[in-house]
Amino acid sequence: MEETDFPGTVIGRNAVVRSGTIMYCDVTAGDNFSTGHNVVIREHTTIGNNVSIGTNSIIEGNTKIGNGVNMQSLVYIPTGAVIEDDVFIGPNAVLTNDRYPPNGGGTLLAPIIRKGASIGANATLLPGVEIGEGSLVAAGAVVTKNVPPRSLAVGAPARFRELPEGACR
């Protein structure tokens, strides 16, 4: 029998990993990490400190999640996504990385969500879009192009507006 080196999964202090959660090999999660039930986190994913991932969420591999991220239930994060610090992602939000499924046209390009941005419930982010720092994507919005920093994205396809007073964190 040949011995194979598996990097394992590393979880920081004070973690709460609820029943049905599956974390693949080569996942690293920081301190004060928590999951809801039935979460799947694929290989080569790095998760910062103080991160909460809601029930039935899926995080595909090769993903980076910063510190202080709050991801509600039923969120889908595709391979290659980058989520910076202090991001909120509402329930049933979907990020995509394939422009022409199922073939992909040869290139998968996941969204990037910059620091302090918020994504509303049922929002959809198309491949390769960047959500600017401190921006807010409204519930149900379909984001087809980059959202400027500190902007509000509303509608399908999303249009950009100024953030309402008090909307920034």
Protein backbone atom coordinates (compact mmCIF):
# COMPACT_ATOMS: atom_id res chain seq x y z
CA MET A 1 0.00 0.00 0.00
CA GLU A 2 1.42 3.38 -1.04
CA GLU A 3 1.33 6.16 1.52
CA THR A 4 -0.11 9.46 0.29
CA ASP A 5 0.40 12.80 1.97
CA PHE A 6 -2.87 14.64 2.60
CA PRO A 7 -2.62 18.16 4.01
CA GLY A 8 -5.70 17.76 6.19
CA THR A 9 -8.11 20.40 7.40
CA VAL A 10 -7.14 23.06 9.94
CA ILE A 11 -9.79 24.76 12.07
CA GLY A 12 -8.96 27.54 14.53
CA ARG A 13 -10.04 27.93 18.15
CA ASN A 14 -13.66 28.30 19.31
CA ALA A 15 -15.16 26.78 16.17
CA VAL A 16 -18.72 25.50 15.90
CA VAL A 17 -19.16 23.03 13.03
CA ARG A 18 -22.75 21.79 12.95
CA SER A 19 -24.01 18.38 11.86
CA GLY A 20 -23.89 17.46 8.20
CA THR A 21 -21.05 19.87 7.42
CA ILE A 22 -18.41 18.45 5.08
CA MET A 23 -14.99 20.09 4.88
CA TYR A 24 -12.65 18.67 2.25
CA CYS A 25 -8.92 18.15 2.61
CA ASP A 26 -6.74 21.30 2.51
CA VAL A 27 -9.27 23.71 4.02
CA THR A 28 -8.07 26.23 6.58
CA ALA A 29 -10.55 28.10 8.78
CA GLY A 30 -9.59 30.70 11.41
CA ASP A 31 -10.67 31.30 14.99
CA ASN A 32 -14.36 31.76 15.89
CA PHE A 33 -15.46 30.00 12.70
CA SER A 34 -19.00 28.61 12.57
CA THR A 35 -21.24 26.76 10.15
CA GLY A 36 -24.91 26.00 9.99
CA HIS A 37 -26.06 22.48 9.15
CA ASN A 38 -25.19 20.71 5.88
CA VAL A 39 -22.51 23.11 4.68
CA VAL A 40 -20.02 21.91 2.04
CA ILE A 41 -16.56 23.49 1.83
CA ARG A 42 -14.37 22.14 -0.98
CA GLU A 43 -10.57 21.77 -1.11
CA HIS A 44 -8.01 24.60 -1.26
CA THR A 45 -10.27 27.04 0.56
CA THR A 46 -8.94 29.56 3.07
CA ILE A 47 -11.32 31.14 5.57
CA GLY A 48 -10.37 33.94 7.98
CA ASN A 49 -11.31 34.61 11.60
CA ASN A 50 -14.84 35.39 12.82
CA VAL A 51 -16.57 33.87 9.80
CA SER A 52 -20.10 32.45 9.87
CA ILE A 53 -21.40 30.26 7.04
CA GLY A 54 -25.14 29.56 7.00
CA THR A 55 -27.05 26.31 6.65
CA ASN A 56 -26.98 24.53 3.27
CA SER A 57 -24.33 26.84 1.81
CA ILE A 58 -21.79 25.52 -0.69
CA ILE A 59 -18.27 26.86 -1.12
CA GLU A 60 -16.45 25.34 -4.06
CA GLY A 61 -12.66 24.91 -3.98
CA ASN A 62 -9.84 27.39 -4.53
CA THR A 63 -11.74 30.10 -2.68
CA LYS A 64 -10.50 32.83 -0.33
CA ILE A 65 -12.75 34.25 2.38
CA GLY A 66 -11.49 37.09 4.60
CA ASN A 67 -12.12 37.95 8.24
CA GLY A 68 -15.50 38.96 9.65
CA VAL A 69 -17.56 37.51 6.79
CA ASN A 70 -21.22 36.68 7.50
CA MET A 71 -22.75 34.36 4.91
CA GLN A 72 -26.41 33.50 5.42
CA SER A 73 -28.15 30.21 4.48
CA LEU A 74 -28.31 28.72 0.97
CA VAL A 75 -25.42 30.76 -0.46
CA TYR A 76 -23.45 29.36 -3.42
CA ILE A 77 -19.80 30.40 -3.87
CA PRO A 78 -18.06 29.05 -7.02
CA THR A 79 -14.49 27.92 -7.56
CA GLY A 80 -12.02 30.81 -7.51
CA ALA A 81 -14.14 33.39 -5.68
CA VAL A 82 -12.47 36.01 -3.50
CA ILE A 83 -14.42 37.52 -0.61
CA GLU A 84 -12.55 40.18 1.34
CA ASP A 85 -12.99 41.22 5.00
CA ASP A 86 -16.26 42.32 6.64
CA VAL A 87 -18.55 41.19 3.81
CA PHE A 88 -22.22 40.26 4.34
CA ILE A 89 -23.91 37.84 1.92
CA GLY A 90 -27.67 37.44 2.29
CA PRO A 91 -29.66 34.23 2.01
CA ASN A 92 -29.86 32.41 -1.30
CA ALA A 93 -27.30 34.66 -3.01
CA VAL A 94 -25.56 32.98 -5.95
CA LEU A 95 -22.14 33.79 -7.36
CA THR A 96 -21.29 32.28 -10.76
CA ASN A 97 -18.02 31.65 -12.59
CA ASP A 98 -19.05 30.15 -15.93
CA ARG A 99 -20.27 32.46 -18.71
CA TYR A 100 -21.42 29.64 -20.99
CA PRO A 101 -22.38 26.61 -18.90
CA PRO A 102 -21.77 23.76 -19.00
CA ASN A 103 -18.73 24.19 -21.26
CA GLY A 104 -17.35 27.40 -19.76
CA GLY A 105 -15.80 28.57 -22.99
CA GLY A 106 -12.48 27.40 -21.52
CA THR A 107 -12.25 29.98 -18.73
CA LEU A 108 -13.87 30.11 -15.32
CA LEU A 109 -13.80 33.56 -13.75
CA ALA A 110 -15.40 33.99 -10.32
CA PRO A 111 -16.60 37.26 -8.77
CA ILE A 112 -14.56 39.31 -6.32
CA ILE A 113 -16.33 40.95 -3.40
CA ARG A 114 -14.29 43.78 -1.88
CA LYS A 115 -14.04 44.77 1.77
CA GLY A 116 -17.20 45.88 3.55
CA ALA A 117 -19.60 45.10 0.69
CA SER A 118 -23.07 43.64 1.29
CA ILE A 119 -24.96 41.32 -1.02
CA GLY A 120 -28.76 41.13 -0.58
CA ALA A 121 -30.98 38.04 -0.52
CA ASN A 122 -31.46 36.25 -3.84
CA ALA A 123 -28.87 38.40 -5.64
CA THR A 124 -26.96 36.83 -8.54
CA LEU A 125 -23.41 37.85 -9.44
CA LEU A 126 -22.28 36.88 -12.95
CA PRO A 127 -18.77 35.63 -13.76
CA GLY A 128 -15.85 37.98 -13.27
CA VAL A 129 -17.71 40.92 -11.74
CA GLU A 130 -16.11 42.92 -8.96
CA ILE A 131 -18.24 44.34 -6.18
CA GLY A 132 -16.50 47.53 -5.01
CA GLU A 133 -15.49 48.25 -1.45
CA GLY A 134 -18.41 49.30 0.75
CA SER A 135 -21.00 48.66 -1.97
CA LEU A 136 -24.49 47.26 -1.50
CA VAL A 137 -26.12 44.86 -3.95
CA ALA A 138 -29.90 44.99 -3.41
CA ALA A 139 -32.01 41.90 -2.88
CA GLY A 140 -32.83 40.17 -6.18
CA ALA A 141 -30.32 42.18 -8.21
CA VAL A 142 -28.56 40.54 -11.15
CA VAL A 143 -25.06 42.00 -11.38
CA THR A 144 -23.66 41.80 -14.92
CA LYS A 145 -20.80 44.33 -14.62
CA ASN A 146 -18.48 45.74 -11.96
CA VAL A 147 -20.10 47.71 -9.14
CA PRO A 148 -18.15 50.88 -8.28
CA PRO A 149 -16.99 51.34 -4.66
CA ARG A 150 -19.61 52.72 -2.24
CA SER A 151 -22.48 52.29 -4.73
CA LEU A 152 -25.91 50.69 -4.68
CA ALA A 153 -26.68 48.06 -7.36
CA VAL A 154 -30.43 47.58 -7.97
CA GLY A 155 -32.48 45.58 -10.49
CA ALA A 156 -32.01 43.05 -13.26
CA PRO A 157 -29.69 43.85 -14.86
CA ALA A 158 -28.36 45.93 -11.99
CA ARG A 159 -28.15 49.70 -12.35
CA PHE A 160 -25.97 51.80 -10.07
CA ARG A 161 -27.05 54.55 -7.73
CA GLU A 162 -25.62 56.45 -4.81
CA LEU A 163 -25.81 54.66 -1.50
CA PRO A 164 -28.66 55.90 0.69
CA GLU A 165 -27.70 57.76 3.85
CA GLY A 166 -26.73 55.30 6.60
CA ALA A 167 -26.31 52.32 4.23
CA CYS A 168 -22.53 52.17 4.69
CA ARG A 169 -20.95 50.29 7.54
